[in-house]
Structure formats: structure tokens, C-alpha cells
Amino acid sequence: MSNNLGSFFLGMVVCWLFNLVELGVGVFVFSITEKQMAAAYVLVYAIGLVQVGYVVPLWRVFRRRELQRTASGVLTAAIATLVLNLIFDYKVFGVGLFHFWS
């Protein structure tokens, strides 16, 4: 086992940089055409769920390379983004957003 366990802060920065890229793509898609409006809304308003597509592979890569602190930073940043996204969506859309079954 290596003594280099990575950097927790680096993992958080990597995750949030990927989140910024995702938001940038969402805003770009939103601005170029009306046909892709649904995709843009998903990319922007559901970032907490969409980020699973790149957080899980990042986490696995860092774990395989024995960078446990970096992997923990990525996971912590993803959870923080998810929680902040849920709070933001609740403030914007209200309780009706969370009533999937009705």
C-alpha cells in the first residue's frame, strides 16, 4: 500500500470542476435551441442526480489507484452537491416537485 493517499481537497475540486462543466453544457444547450429544452432543464436542475454518471467512475479510478482521500473528496463533494441541489429545487419548485406518485 502506498503512503500517497491523495488529497481530499483535490477530490472535491475535481468533482466541482466536472459539475461546472455540466452546468456549462446545460446553459449552452439551453441557449442554442428550443428543441433541447428538456435536456437543458435536466442538466441544470437535476445536477445532483446527473453527476452520478461521472462521480462513480471517478471514485472507482481513485480507489483503484489507492488514492482513498481523493476518492472520499469526490464522494463528499457529490453528496454536498446533491443536498444543495435538493434544497435549491425545493425553493424553486416547491413541495410539488417531490410528489412523484400522485
PDB file of N, CA and C in Angstrom:
ATOM      1  N   MET A   1       0.839  -1.174   0.000  1.00  0.00           N
ATOM      2  CA  MET A   1       0.000   0.000   0.000  1.00  0.00           C
ATOM      3  C   MET A   1       0.884   1.237   0.000  1.00  0.00           C
ATOM      4  N   SER A   2       0.491   2.200  -0.775  1.00  0.00           N
ATOM      5  CA  SER A   2       1.272   3.412  -0.939  1.00  0.00           C
ATOM      6  C   SER A   2       1.008   4.397   0.191  1.00  0.00           C
ATOM      7  N   ASN A   3       2.028   5.185   0.526  1.00  0.00           N
ATOM      8  CA  ASN A   3       1.837   6.241   1.518  1.00  0.00           C
ATOM      9  C   ASN A   3       1.097   7.430   0.937  1.00  0.00           C
ATOM     10  N   ASN A   4       1.089   7.560  -0.387  1.00  0.00           N
ATOM     11  CA  ASN A   4       0.406   8.660  -1.049  1.00  0.00           C
ATOM     12  C   ASN A   4      -1.073   8.313  -1.160  1.00  0.00           C
ATOM     13  N   LEU A   5      -1.869   8.843  -0.270  1.00  0.00           N
ATOM     14  CA  LEU A   5      -3.296   8.550  -0.255  1.00  0.00           C
ATOM     15  C   LEU A   5      -4.114   9.620  -0.949  1.00  0.00           C
ATOM     16  N   GLY A   6      -3.462  10.580  -1.611  1.00  0.00           N
ATOM     17  CA  GLY A   6      -4.182  11.612  -2.337  1.00  0.00           C
ATOM     18  C   GLY A   6      -4.544  12.778  -1.445  1.00  0.00           C
ATOM     19  N   SER A   7      -5.320  13.657  -2.019  1.00  0.00           N
ATOM     20  CA  SER A   7      -5.726  14.870  -1.330  1.00  0.00           C
ATOM     21  C   SER A   7      -7.248  14.976  -1.335  1.00  0.00           C
ATOM     22  N   PHE A   8      -7.821  15.137  -0.163  1.00  0.00           N
ATOM     23  CA  PHE A   8      -9.263  15.285  -0.019  1.00  0.00           C
ATOM     24  C   PHE A   8      -9.746  16.524  -0.779  1.00  0.00           C
ATOM     25  N   PHE A   9      -9.020  17.615  -0.637  1.00  0.00           N
ATOM     26  CA  PHE A   9      -9.383  18.869  -1.302  1.00  0.00           C
ATOM     27  C   PHE A   9      -9.338  18.712  -2.820  1.00  0.00           C
ATOM     28  N   LEU A  10      -8.342  18.003  -3.339  1.00  0.00           N
ATOM     29  CA  LEU A  10      -8.239  17.774  -4.774  1.00  0.00           C
ATOM     30  C   LEU A  10      -9.455  17.007  -5.290  1.00  0.00           C
ATOM     31  N   GLY A  11      -9.914  16.028  -4.553  1.00  0.00           N
ATOM     32  CA  GLY A  11     -11.103  15.276  -4.949  1.00  0.00           C
ATOM     33  C   GLY A  11     -12.328  16.155  -5.027  1.00  0.00           C
ATOM     34  N   MET A  12     -12.478  17.060  -4.060  1.00  0.00           N
ATOM     35  CA  MET A  12     -13.619  17.974  -4.084  1.00  0.00           C
ATOM     36  C   MET A  12     -13.529  18.922  -5.274  1.00  0.00           C
ATOM     37  N   VAL A  13     -12.340  19.428  -5.534  1.00  0.00           N
ATOM     38  CA  VAL A  13     -12.153  20.356  -6.650  1.00  0.00           C
ATOM     39  C   VAL A  13     -12.444  19.655  -7.979  1.00  0.00           C
ATOM     40  N   VAL A  14     -11.971  18.433  -8.136  1.00  0.00           N
ATOM     41  CA  VAL A  14     -12.210  17.682  -9.374  1.00  0.00           C
ATOM     42  C   VAL A  14     -13.708  17.491  -9.589  1.00  0.00           C
ATOM     43  N   CYS A  15     -14.426  17.090  -8.566  1.00  0.00           N
ATOM     44  CA  CYS A  15     -15.868  16.876  -8.685  1.00  0.00           C
ATOM     45  C   CYS A  15     -16.581  18.176  -9.042  1.00  0.00           C
ATOM     46  N   TRP A  16     -16.236  19.259  -8.386  1.00  0.00           N
ATOM     47  CA  TRP A  16     -16.916  20.520  -8.656  1.00  0.00           C
ATOM     48  C   TRP A  16     -16.530  21.103 -10.002  1.00  0.00           C
ATOM     49  N   LEU A  17     -15.339  20.817 -10.503  1.00  0.00           N
ATOM     50  CA  LEU A  17     -14.996  21.233 -11.866  1.00  0.00           C
ATOM     51  C   LEU A  17     -15.839  20.479 -12.889  1.00  0.00           C
ATOM     52  N   PHE A  18     -16.037  19.193 -12.668  1.00  0.00           N
ATOM     53  CA  PHE A  18     -16.925  18.435 -13.546  1.00  0.00           C
ATOM     54  C   PHE A  18     -18.352  18.973 -13.465  1.00  0.00           C
ATOM     55  N   ASN A  19     -18.800  19.364 -12.265  1.00  0.00           N
ATOM     56  CA  ASN A  19     -20.127  19.955 -12.120  1.00  0.00           C
ATOM     57  C   ASN A  19     -20.239  21.262 -12.892  1.00  0.00           C
ATOM     58  N   LEU A  20     -19.190  22.078 -12.852  1.00  0.00           N
ATOM     59  CA  LEU A  20     -19.213  23.332 -13.603  1.00  0.00           C
ATOM     60  C   LEU A  20     -19.272  23.075 -15.110  1.00  0.00           C
ATOM     61  N   VAL A  21     -18.553  22.067 -15.574  1.00  0.00           N
ATOM     62  CA  VAL A  21     -18.616  21.713 -16.991  1.00  0.00           C
ATOM     63  C   VAL A  21     -20.029  21.267 -17.353  1.00  0.00           C
ATOM     64  N   GLU A  22     -20.637  20.459 -16.499  1.00  0.00           N
ATOM     65  CA  GLU A  22     -22.007  20.006 -16.750  1.00  0.00           C
ATOM     66  C   GLU A  22     -22.977  21.187 -16.806  1.00  0.00           C
ATOM     67  N   LEU A  23     -22.851  22.118 -15.879  1.00  0.00           N
ATOM     68  CA  LEU A  23     -23.706  23.301 -15.899  1.00  0.00           C
ATOM     69  C   LEU A  23     -23.463  24.138 -17.152  1.00  0.00           C
ATOM     70  N   GLY A  24     -22.212  24.251 -17.549  1.00  0.00           N
ATOM     71  CA  GLY A  24     -21.888  24.984 -18.768  1.00  0.00           C
ATOM     72  C   GLY A  24     -22.524  24.353 -19.996  1.00  0.00           C
ATOM     73  N   VAL A  25     -22.474  23.037 -20.084  1.00  0.00           N
ATOM     74  CA  VAL A  25     -23.110  22.333 -21.201  1.00  0.00           C
ATOM     75  C   VAL A  25     -24.624  22.553 -21.154  1.00  0.00           C
ATOM     76  N   GLY A  26     -25.200  22.506 -19.967  1.00  0.00           N
ATOM     77  CA  GLY A  26     -26.638  22.735 -19.829  1.00  0.00           C
ATOM     78  C   GLY A  26     -27.044  24.130 -20.270  1.00  0.00           C
ATOM     79  N   VAL A  27     -26.288  25.131 -19.881  1.00  0.00           N
ATOM     80  CA  VAL A  27     -26.587  26.511 -20.286  1.00  0.00           C
ATOM     81  C   VAL A  27     -26.382  26.671 -21.787  1.00  0.00           C
ATOM     82  N   PHE A  28     -25.337  26.038 -22.334  1.00  0.00           N
ATOM     83  CA  PHE A  28     -25.092  26.105 -23.774  1.00  0.00           C
ATOM     84  C   PHE A  28     -26.245  25.473 -24.548  1.00  0.00           C
ATOM     85  N   VAL A  29     -26.679  24.289 -24.120  1.00  0.00           N
ATOM     86  CA  VAL A  29     -27.798  23.618 -24.784  1.00  0.00           C
ATOM     87  C   VAL A  29     -29.057  24.460 -24.658  1.00  0.00           C
ATOM     88  N   PHE A  30     -29.253  25.067 -23.504  1.00  0.00           N
ATOM     89  CA  PHE A  30     -30.412  25.916 -23.268  1.00  0.00           C
ATOM     90  C   PHE A  30     -30.423  27.117 -24.204  1.00  0.00           C
ATOM     91  N   SER A  31     -29.239  27.641 -24.523  1.00  0.00           N
ATOM     92  CA  SER A  31     -29.174  28.865 -25.309  1.00  0.00           C
ATOM     93  C   SER A  31     -29.205  28.630 -26.819  1.00  0.00           C
ATOM     94  N   ILE A  32     -28.880  27.429 -27.301  1.00  0.00           N
ATOM     95  CA  ILE A  32     -28.780  27.257 -28.750  1.00  0.00           C
ATOM     96  C   ILE A  32     -30.083  26.836 -29.419  1.00  0.00           C
ATOM     97  N   THR A  33     -30.931  26.102 -28.737  1.00  0.00           N
ATOM     98  CA  THR A  33     -32.142  25.622 -29.400  1.00  0.00           C
ATOM     99  C   THR A  33     -33.261  25.382 -28.395  1.00  0.00           C
ATOM    100  N   GLU A  34     -34.481  25.502 -28.877  1.00  0.00           N
ATOM    101  CA  GLU A  34     -35.640  25.218 -28.029  1.00  0.00           C
ATOM    102  C   GLU A  34     -35.996  23.737 -28.033  1.00  0.00           C
ATOM    103  N   LYS A  35     -35.507  23.000 -29.023  1.00  0.00           N
ATOM    104  CA  LYS A  35     -35.831  21.579 -29.124  1.00  0.00           C
ATOM    105  C   LYS A  35     -35.207  20.762 -27.998  1.00  0.00           C
ATOM    106  N   GLN A  36     -34.103  21.231 -27.468  1.00  0.00           N
ATOM    107  CA  GLN A  36     -33.402  20.508 -26.414  1.00  0.00           C
ATOM    108  C   GLN A  36     -33.684  21.086 -25.029  1.00  0.00           C
ATOM    109  N   MET A  37     -34.808  21.769 -24.876  1.00  0.00           N
ATOM    110  CA  MET A  37     -35.132  22.432 -23.617  1.00  0.00           C
ATOM    111  C   MET A  37     -35.210  21.439 -22.452  1.00  0.00           C
ATOM    112  N   ALA A  38     -35.797  20.274 -22.690  1.00  0.00           N
ATOM    113  CA  ALA A  38     -35.914  19.282 -21.613  1.00  0.00           C
ATOM    114  C   ALA A  38     -34.539  18.803 -21.160  1.00  0.00           C
ATOM    115  N   ALA A  39     -33.642  18.574 -22.098  1.00  0.00           N
ATOM    116  CA  ALA A  39     -32.289  18.136 -21.742  1.00  0.00           C
ATOM    117  C   ALA A  39     -31.569  19.213 -20.943  1.00  0.00           C
ATOM    118  N   ALA A  40     -31.757  20.453 -21.321  1.00  0.00           N
ATOM    119  CA  ALA A  40     -31.116  21.548 -20.596  1.00  0.00           C
ATOM    120  C   ALA A  40     -31.646  21.638 -19.172  1.00  0.00           C
ATOM    121  N   TYR A  41     -32.949  21.498 -18.986  1.00  0.00           N
ATOM    122  CA  TYR A  41     -33.520  21.535 -17.640  1.00  0.00           C
ATOM    123  C   TYR A  41     -32.992  20.397 -16.778  1.00  0.00           C
ATOM    124  N   VAL A  42     -32.862  19.218 -17.361  1.00  0.00           N
ATOM    125  CA  VAL A  42     -32.338  18.086 -16.598  1.00  0.00           C
ATOM    126  C   VAL A  42     -30.891  18.336 -16.199  1.00  0.00           C
ATOM    127  N   LEU A  43     -30.089  18.834 -17.137  1.00  0.00           N
ATOM    128  CA  LEU A  43     -28.673  19.093 -16.831  1.00  0.00           C
ATOM    129  C   LEU A  43     -28.503  20.152 -15.755  1.00  0.00           C
ATOM    130  N   VAL A  44     -29.376  21.150 -15.742  1.00  0.00           N
ATOM    131  CA  VAL A  44     -29.219  22.256 -14.790  1.00  0.00           C
ATOM    132  C   VAL A  44     -29.928  21.972 -13.473  1.00  0.00           C
ATOM    133  N   TYR A  45     -31.190  21.543 -13.521  1.00  0.00           N
ATOM    134  CA  TYR A  45     -31.965  21.405 -12.294  1.00  0.00           C
ATOM    135  C   TYR A  45     -31.827  20.050 -11.614  1.00  0.00           C
ATOM    136  N   ALA A  46     -31.254  19.073 -12.293  1.00  0.00           N
ATOM    137  CA  ALA A  46     -31.075  17.753 -11.683  1.00  0.00           C
ATOM    138  C   ALA A  46     -29.598  17.379 -11.639  1.00  0.00           C
ATOM    139  N   ILE A  47     -28.745  18.361 -11.423  1.00  0.00           N
ATOM    140  CA  ILE A  47     -27.307  18.114 -11.409  1.00  0.00           C
ATOM    141  C   ILE A  47     -26.932  17.092 -10.340  1.00  0.00           C
ATOM    142  N   GLY A  48     -27.655  17.085  -9.231  1.00  0.00           N
ATOM    143  CA  GLY A  48     -27.355  16.140  -8.159  1.00  0.00           C
ATOM    144  C   GLY A  48     -27.534  14.688  -8.580  1.00  0.00           C
ATOM    145  N   LEU A  49     -28.470  14.444  -9.504  1.00  0.00           N
ATOM    146  CA  LEU A  49     -28.686  13.080  -9.995  1.00  0.00           C
ATOM    147  C   LEU A  49     -27.826  12.768 -11.210  1.00  0.00           C
ATOM    148  N   VAL A  50     -27.656  13.742 -12.093  1.00  0.00           N
ATOM    149  CA  VAL A  50     -26.888  13.519 -13.318  1.00  0.00           C
ATOM    150  C   VAL A  50     -25.418  13.276 -13.010  1.00  0.00           C
ATOM    151  N   GLN A  51     -24.916  13.870 -11.942  1.00  0.00           N
ATOM    152  CA  GLN A  51     -23.493  13.734 -11.626  1.00  0.00           C
ATOM    153  C   GLN A  51     -23.091  12.308 -11.292  1.00  0.00           C
ATOM    154  N   VAL A  52     -24.039  11.445 -11.030  1.00  0.00           N
ATOM    155  CA  VAL A  52     -23.722  10.038 -10.763  1.00  0.00           C
ATOM    156  C   VAL A  52     -22.974   9.434 -11.951  1.00  0.00           C
ATOM    157  N   GLY A  53     -23.286   9.905 -13.163  1.00  0.00           N
ATOM    158  CA  GLY A  53     -22.666   9.381 -14.368  1.00  0.00           C
ATOM    159  C   GLY A  53     -21.164   9.594 -14.447  1.00  0.00           C
ATOM    160  N   TYR A  54     -20.647  10.606 -13.758  1.00  0.00           N
ATOM    161  CA  TYR A  54     -19.197  10.810 -13.770  1.00  0.00           C
ATOM    162  C   TYR A  54     -18.566  10.695 -12.386  1.00  0.00           C
ATOM    163  N   VAL A  55     -19.335  10.775 -11.338  1.00  0.00           N
ATOM    164  CA  VAL A  55     -18.770  10.656  -9.994  1.00  0.00           C
ATOM    165  C   VAL A  55     -18.399   9.207  -9.685  1.00  0.00           C
ATOM    166  N   VAL A  56     -19.250   8.280 -10.038  1.00  0.00           N
ATOM    167  CA  VAL A  56     -18.956   6.867  -9.752  1.00  0.00           C
ATOM    168  C   VAL A  56     -17.695   6.401 -10.485  1.00  0.00           C
ATOM    169  N   PRO A  57     -17.539   6.679 -11.791  1.00  0.00           N
ATOM    170  CA  PRO A  57     -16.272   6.285 -12.437  1.00  0.00           C
ATOM    171  C   PRO A  57     -15.051   6.986 -11.849  1.00  0.00           C
ATOM    172  N   LEU A  58     -15.174   8.271 -11.516  1.00  0.00           N
ATOM    173  CA  LEU A  58     -14.051   8.973 -10.879  1.00  0.00           C
ATOM    174  C   LEU A  58     -13.687   8.326  -9.551  1.00  0.00           C
ATOM    175  N   TRP A  59     -14.697   8.039  -8.756  1.00  0.00           N
ATOM    176  CA  TRP A  59     -14.477   7.419  -7.450  1.00  0.00           C
ATOM    177  C   TRP A  59     -13.772   6.070  -7.610  1.00  0.00           C
ATOM    178  N   ARG A  60     -14.216   5.275  -8.586  1.00  0.00           N
ATOM    179  CA  ARG A  60     -13.599   3.961  -8.813  1.00  0.00           C
ATOM    180  C   ARG A  60     -12.154   4.082  -9.263  1.00  0.00           C
ATOM    181  N   VAL A  61     -11.871   5.051 -10.140  1.00  0.00           N
ATOM    182  CA  VAL A  61     -10.497   5.246 -10.616  1.00  0.00           C
ATOM    183  C   VAL A  61      -9.580   5.625  -9.458  1.00  0.00           C
ATOM    184  N   PHE A  62     -10.028   6.547  -8.629  1.00  0.00           N
ATOM    185  CA  PHE A  62      -9.198   6.967  -7.495  1.00  0.00           C
ATOM    186  C   PHE A  62      -9.016   5.836  -6.489  1.00  0.00           C
ATOM    187  N   ARG A  63     -10.034   5.030  -6.269  1.00  0.00           N
ATOM    188  CA  ARG A  63      -9.902   3.891  -5.346  1.00  0.00           C
ATOM    189  C   ARG A  63      -8.927   2.844  -5.887  1.00  0.00           C
ATOM    190  N   ARG A  64      -8.985   2.582  -7.194  1.00  0.00           N
ATOM    191  CA  ARG A  64      -8.072   1.605  -7.794  1.00  0.00           C
ATOM    192  C   ARG A  64      -6.625   2.059  -7.723  1.00  0.00           C
ATOM    193  N   ARG A  65      -6.416   3.348  -7.816  1.00  0.00           N
ATOM    194  CA  ARG A  65      -5.053   3.887  -7.737  1.00  0.00           C
ATOM    195  C   ARG A  65      -4.621   4.144  -6.295  1.00  0.00           C
ATOM    196  N   GLU A  66      -5.416   3.664  -5.363  1.00  0.00           N
ATOM    197  CA  GLU A  66      -5.138   3.768  -3.929  1.00  0.00           C
ATOM    198  C   GLU A  66      -5.030   5.221  -3.461  1.00  0.00           C
ATOM    199  N   LEU A  67      -5.879   6.068  -4.005  1.00  0.00           N
ATOM    200  CA  LEU A  67      -5.970   7.472  -3.579  1.00  0.00           C
ATOM    201  C   LEU A  67      -7.279   7.637  -2.798  1.00  0.00           C
ATOM    202  N   GLN A  68      -7.300   7.045  -1.595  1.00  0.00           N
ATOM    203  CA  GLN A  68      -8.527   6.999  -0.814  1.00  0.00           C
ATOM    204  C   GLN A  68      -9.029   8.385  -0.421  1.00  0.00           C
ATOM    205  N   ARG A  69      -8.124   9.283  -0.070  1.00  0.00           N
ATOM    206  CA  ARG A  69      -8.557  10.626   0.328  1.00  0.00           C
ATOM    207  C   ARG A  69      -9.183  11.371  -0.846  1.00  0.00           C
ATOM    208  N   THR A  70      -8.600  11.229  -2.014  1.00  0.00           N
ATOM    209  CA  THR A  70      -9.151  11.881  -3.201  1.00  0.00           C
ATOM    210  C   THR A  70     -10.525  11.305  -3.528  1.00  0.00           C
ATOM    211  N   ALA A  71     -10.661   9.991  -3.435  1.00  0.00           N
ATOM    212  CA  ALA A  71     -11.949   9.348  -3.677  1.00  0.00           C
ATOM    213  C   ALA A  71     -12.985   9.825  -2.667  1.00  0.00           C
ATOM    214  N   SER A  72     -12.580   9.979  -1.414  1.00  0.00           N
ATOM    215  CA  SER A  72     -13.503  10.482  -0.392  1.00  0.00           C
ATOM    216  C   SER A  72     -13.897  11.929  -0.673  1.00  0.00           C
ATOM    217  N   GLY A  73     -12.962  12.723  -1.184  1.00  0.00           N
ATOM    218  CA  GLY A  73     -13.268  14.107  -1.538  1.00  0.00           C
ATOM    219  C   GLY A  73     -14.279  14.195  -2.664  1.00  0.00           C
ATOM    220  N   VAL A  74     -14.130  13.325  -3.665  1.00  0.00           N
ATOM    221  CA  VAL A  74     -15.086  13.292  -4.776  1.00  0.00           C
ATOM    222  C   VAL A  74     -16.471  12.924  -4.260  1.00  0.00           C
ATOM    223  N   LEU A  75     -16.545  11.911  -3.429  1.00  0.00           N
ATOM    224  CA  LEU A  75     -17.831  11.467  -2.890  1.00  0.00           C
ATOM    225  C   LEU A  75     -18.464  12.530  -1.994  1.00  0.00           C
ATOM    226  N   THR A  76     -17.674  13.189  -1.162  1.00  0.00           N
ATOM    227  CA  THR A  76     -18.188  14.239  -0.288  1.00  0.00           C
ATOM    228  C   THR A  76     -18.721  15.415  -1.096  1.00  0.00           C
ATOM    229  N   ALA A  77     -17.988  15.827  -2.124  1.00  0.00           N
ATOM    230  CA  ALA A  77     -18.441  16.932  -2.969  1.00  0.00           C
ATOM    231  C   ALA A  77     -19.724  16.561  -3.705  1.00  0.00           C
ATOM    232  N   ALA A  78     -19.835  15.311  -4.142  1.00  0.00           N
ATOM    233  CA  ALA A  78     -21.047  14.871  -4.838  1.00  0.00           C
ATOM    234  C   ALA A  78     -22.247  14.884  -3.906  1.00  0.00           C
ATOM    235  N   ILE A  79     -22.062  14.440  -2.677  1.00  0.00           N
ATOM    236  CA  ILE A  79     -23.162  14.446  -1.705  1.00  0.00           C
ATOM    237  C   ILE A  79     -23.553  15.877  -1.358  1.00  0.00           C
ATOM    238  N   ALA A  80     -22.570  16.751  -1.192  1.00  0.00           N
ATOM    239  CA  ALA A  80     -22.864  18.162  -0.918  1.00  0.00           C
ATOM    240  C   ALA A  80     -23.631  18.793  -2.075  1.00  0.00           C
ATOM    241  N   THR A  81     -23.234  18.472  -3.298  1.00  0.00           N
ATOM    242  CA  THR A  81     -23.937  18.995  -4.475  1.00  0.00           C
ATOM    243  C   THR A  81     -25.360  18.476  -4.526  1.00  0.00           C
ATOM    244  N   LEU A  82     -25.553  17.203  -4.221  1.00  0.00           N
ATOM    245  CA  LEU A  82     -26.895  16.622  -4.216  1.00  0.00           C
ATOM    246  C   LEU A  82     -27.788  17.309  -3.194  1.00  0.00           C
ATOM    247  N   VAL A  83     -27.285  17.518  -1.990  1.00  0.00           N
ATOM    248  CA  VAL A  83     -28.081  18.157  -0.939  1.00  0.00           C
ATOM    249  C   VAL A  83     -28.404  19.602  -1.314  1.00  0.00           C
ATOM    250  N   LEU A  84     -27.419  20.343  -1.787  1.00  0.00           N
ATOM    251  CA  LEU A  84     -27.666  21.722  -2.198  1.00  0.00           C
ATOM    252  C   LEU A  84     -28.631  21.783  -3.374  1.00  0.00           C
ATOM    253  N   ASN A  85     -28.540  20.826  -4.283  1.00  0.00           N
ATOM    254  CA  ASN A  85     -29.459  20.780  -5.417  1.00  0.00           C
ATOM    255  C   ASN A  85     -30.881  20.507  -4.958  1.00  0.00           C
ATOM    256  N   LEU A  86     -31.060  19.599  -4.010  1.00  0.00           N
ATOM    257  CA  LEU A  86     -32.401  19.333  -3.480  1.00  0.00           C
ATOM    258  C   LEU A  86     -32.987  20.557  -2.782  1.00  0.00           C
ATOM    259  N   ILE A  87     -32.178  21.261  -2.011  1.00  0.00           N
ATOM    260  CA  ILE A  87     -32.647  22.479  -1.338  1.00  0.00           C
ATOM    261  C   ILE A  87     -33.031  23.535  -2.371  1.00  0.00           C
ATOM    262  N   PHE A  88     -32.181  23.737  -3.381  1.00  0.00           N
ATOM    263  CA  PHE A  88     -32.466  24.725  -4.416  1.00  0.00           C
ATOM    264  C   PHE A  88     -33.741  24.376  -5.178  1.00  0.00           C
ATOM    265  N   ASP A  89     -33.885  23.114  -5.579  1.00  0.00           N
ATOM    266  CA  ASP A  89     -35.078  22.701  -6.312  1.00  0.00           C
ATOM    267  C   ASP A  89     -36.331  22.844  -5.455  1.00  0.00           C
ATOM    268  N   TYR A  90     -36.223  22.572  -4.171  1.00  0.00           N
ATOM    269  CA  TYR A  90     -37.366  22.747  -3.277  1.00  0.00           C
ATOM    270  C   TYR A  90     -37.764  24.220  -3.200  1.00  0.00           C
ATOM    271  N   LYS A  91     -36.775  25.111  -3.117  1.00  0.00           N
ATOM    272  CA  LYS A  91     -37.069  26.539  -3.057  1.00  0.00           C
ATOM    273  C   LYS A  91     -37.674  27.047  -4.364  1.00  0.00           C
ATOM    274  N   VAL A  92     -37.217  26.520  -5.494  1.00  0.00           N
ATOM    275  CA  VAL A  92     -37.700  26.993  -6.795  1.00  0.00           C
ATOM    276  C   VAL A  92     -39.051  26.381  -7.149  1.00  0.00           C
ATOM    277  N   PHE A  93     -39.189  25.061  -6.997  1.00  0.00           N
ATOM    278  CA  PHE A  93     -40.376  24.368  -7.469  1.00  0.00           C
ATOM    279  C   PHE A  93     -41.379  24.028  -6.376  1.00  0.00           C
ATOM    280  N   GLY A  94     -40.981  24.054  -5.132  1.00  0.00           N
ATOM    281  CA  GLY A  94     -41.897  23.773  -4.028  1.00  0.00           C
ATOM    282  C   GLY A  94     -42.070  22.294  -3.764  1.00  0.00           C
ATOM    283  N   VAL A  95     -43.053  21.999  -2.937  1.00  0.00           N
ATOM    284  CA  VAL A  95     -43.303  20.619  -2.499  1.00  0.00           C
ATOM    285  C   VAL A  95     -43.761  19.738  -3.658  1.00  0.00           C
ATOM    286  N   GLY A  96     -44.444  20.312  -4.654  1.00  0.00           N
ATOM    287  CA  GLY A  96     -44.948  19.524  -5.770  1.00  0.00           C
ATOM    288  C   GLY A  96     -43.883  18.781  -6.541  1.00  0.00           C
ATOM    289  N   LEU A  97     -42.657  19.252  -6.492  1.00  0.00           N
ATOM    290  CA  LEU A  97     -41.567  18.584  -7.182  1.00  0.00           C
ATOM    291  C   LEU A  97     -41.300  17.188  -6.634  1.00  0.00           C
ATOM    292  N   PHE A  98     -41.557  16.975  -5.355  1.00  0.00           N
ATOM    293  CA  PHE A  98     -41.218  15.726  -4.696  1.00  0.00           C
ATOM    294  C   PHE A  98     -42.409  14.762  -4.583  1.00  0.00           C
ATOM    295  N   HIS A  99     -43.492  15.041  -5.265  1.00  0.00           N
ATOM    296  CA  HIS A  99     -44.663  14.163  -5.258  1.00  0.00           C
ATOM    297  C   HIS A  99     -44.690  13.368  -6.557  1.00  0.00           C
ATOM    298  N   PHE A 100     -43.844  12.354  -6.644  1.00  0.00           N
ATOM    299  CA  PHE A 100     -43.730  11.559  -7.855  1.00  0.00           C
ATOM    300  C   PHE A 100     -44.918  10.632  -8.054  1.00  0.00           C
ATOM    301  N   TRP A 101     -45.510  10.172  -6.986  1.00  0.00           N
ATOM    302  CA  TRP A 101     -46.522   9.138  -7.079  1.00  0.00           C
ATOM    303  C   TRP A 101     -47.935   9.670  -7.249  1.00  0.00           C
ATOM    304  N   SER A 102     -48.149  10.957  -7.147  1.00  0.00           N
ATOM    305  CA  SER A 102     -49.531  11.482  -7.269  1.00  0.00           C
ATOM    306  C   SER A 102     -49.815  12.039  -8.627  1.00  0.00           C
TER     307      SER A 102
END
